[in-house]
Amino acid sequence: MPSLRISQCIGRDSWKAASLNQEYESLKNVKIQLRLPEDIKDAAMRQASMSGISMNLFVATAVAARVGAQSEAERYFAARGSRTTPARAKALLSRLGTPGSLRDDDQRDAPDNVA
């Protein structure tokens, strides 16, 4: 979609047009050369064909899923890490495996021989 068309659709709100133009610019595709082992390439081609999509879309979707998963994991662990301190984490780790250090809300596993 050309920038002119975006601006015409937005009308007088030029800040919205500028924002959409920037978003459009970030969606431009780039070409990369990808080297894959033959068996992985064949499997990817088969799966793309079975899904009815191009190999390009298949690879782009796989990369996007991995990037999204990595970003979500980073966000999750950063949020978790911000809720504690190194001293609290060390105290928790020092209690691991220590017999008799159950808290009131801890539960023991049921014995294996329960019928």
Protein backbone atom coordinates (compact mmCIF):
# COMPACT_ATOMS: atom_id res chain seq x y z
CA MET A 1 0.00 0.00 0.00
CA PRO A 2 1.65 3.28 -1.06
CA SER A 3 2.11 6.09 1.44
CA LEU A 4 -0.09 8.44 -0.62
CA ARG A 5 -3.04 6.09 -0.34
CA ILE A 6 -2.62 5.85 3.45
CA SER A 7 -2.56 9.63 3.73
CA GLN A 8 -5.66 9.96 1.58
CA CYS A 9 -7.54 7.41 3.70
CA ILE A 10 -6.68 9.23 6.92
CA GLY A 11 -7.58 12.67 5.62
CA ARG A 12 -6.75 15.59 7.89
CA ASP A 13 -5.22 13.56 10.74
CA SER A 14 -1.64 13.82 9.50
CA TRP A 15 -0.18 12.34 12.71
CA LYS A 16 -2.20 9.16 12.08
CA ALA A 17 -0.96 9.07 8.50
CA ALA A 18 2.64 9.45 9.66
CA SER A 19 2.16 6.65 12.18
CA LEU A 20 0.68 4.33 9.57
CA ASN A 21 3.43 5.21 7.11
CA GLN A 22 6.05 4.27 9.72
CA GLU A 23 4.21 1.00 10.42
CA TYR A 24 4.05 0.26 6.69
CA GLU A 25 7.77 0.93 6.32
CA SER A 26 8.53 -1.56 9.12
CA LEU A 27 6.57 -4.27 7.27
CA LYS A 28 8.81 -4.22 4.22
CA ASN A 29 10.24 -7.61 3.41
CA VAL A 30 13.93 -8.35 3.18
CA LYS A 31 15.59 -11.16 1.31
CA ILE A 32 17.88 -13.59 3.07
CA GLN A 33 19.74 -16.64 1.91
CA LEU A 34 18.98 -19.69 4.02
CA ARG A 35 21.03 -22.86 3.97
CA LEU A 36 19.27 -25.97 5.26
CA PRO A 37 20.23 -29.62 5.30
CA GLU A 38 18.49 -31.38 2.42
CA ASP A 39 16.30 -33.55 4.66
CA ILE A 40 15.02 -30.55 6.64
CA LYS A 41 14.32 -28.65 3.43
CA ASP A 42 12.41 -31.63 2.04
CA ALA A 43 10.36 -31.99 5.22
CA ALA A 44 9.59 -28.26 5.25
CA MET A 45 8.55 -28.36 1.59
CA ARG A 46 6.25 -31.33 2.30
CA GLN A 47 4.65 -29.62 5.30
CA ALA A 48 4.21 -26.35 3.42
CA SER A 49 2.63 -28.19 0.52
CA MET A 50 0.29 -30.13 2.83
CA SER A 51 -0.73 -26.81 4.42
CA GLY A 52 -1.31 -25.26 1.00
CA ILE A 53 1.19 -22.44 1.54
CA SER A 54 4.44 -21.41 -0.07
CA MET A 55 7.79 -22.41 1.36
CA ASN A 56 8.48 -18.71 1.94
CA LEU A 57 5.34 -18.30 4.07
CA PHE A 58 6.08 -21.54 5.90
CA VAL A 59 9.57 -20.40 6.88
CA ALA A 60 8.42 -16.86 7.72
CA THR A 61 5.67 -18.25 9.96
CA ALA A 62 8.09 -20.62 11.72
CA VAL A 63 10.58 -17.81 12.34
CA ALA A 64 7.84 -15.47 13.56
CA ALA A 65 6.56 -18.13 15.97
CA ARG A 66 10.04 -18.70 17.37
CA VAL A 67 10.74 -14.97 17.71
CA GLY A 68 7.37 -14.47 19.42
CA ALA A 69 7.95 -17.37 21.80
CA GLN A 70 11.41 -16.09 22.68
CA SER A 71 10.09 -12.57 23.29
CA GLU A 72 7.28 -13.90 25.48
CA ALA A 73 9.72 -16.02 27.51
CA GLU A 74 12.01 -13.03 28.00
CA ARG A 75 9.08 -10.88 29.10
CA TYR A 76 7.79 -13.56 31.49
CA PHE A 77 11.14 -14.19 33.18
CA ALA A 78 11.92 -10.48 33.40
CA ALA A 79 8.58 -9.91 35.14
CA ARG A 80 9.18 -12.85 37.47
CA GLY A 81 12.70 -11.69 38.22
CA SER A 82 11.56 -8.18 39.07
CA ARG A 83 9.34 -9.52 41.88
CA THR A 84 12.20 -10.81 43.99
CA THR A 85 15.75 -10.05 45.06
CA PRO A 86 18.91 -12.12 44.76
CA ALA A 87 18.92 -12.61 48.54
CA ARG A 88 15.39 -14.05 48.52
CA ALA A 89 16.26 -16.33 45.61
CA LYS A 90 19.36 -17.62 47.46
CA ALA A 91 17.30 -18.22 50.60
CA LEU A 92 14.77 -20.24 48.61
CA LEU A 93 17.47 -22.27 46.90
CA SER A 94 19.20 -22.99 50.21
CA ARG A 95 15.98 -24.62 51.51
CA LEU A 96 15.64 -26.99 48.56
CA GLY A 97 16.12 -30.61 49.52
CA THR A 98 16.27 -29.85 53.23
CA PRO A 99 14.18 -32.43 55.14
CA GLY A 100 11.64 -31.07 57.59
CA SER A 101 11.44 -27.59 56.11
CA LEU A 102 7.79 -27.77 54.99
CA ARG A 103 5.71 -24.63 55.19
CA ASP A 104 2.10 -24.60 56.39
CA ASP A 105 0.79 -24.47 52.81
CA ASP A 106 3.10 -27.24 51.47
CA GLN A 107 1.60 -30.65 50.70
CA ARG A 108 3.27 -34.02 50.66
CA ASP A 109 2.77 -36.40 47.74
CA ALA A 110 0.49 -39.35 48.33
CA PRO A 111 2.32 -42.66 48.88
CA ASP A 112 2.70 -44.81 45.75
CA ASN A 113 1.03 -47.86 47.32
CA VAL A 114 -2.36 -46.20 47.87
CA ALA A 115 -5.11 -48.34 46.31
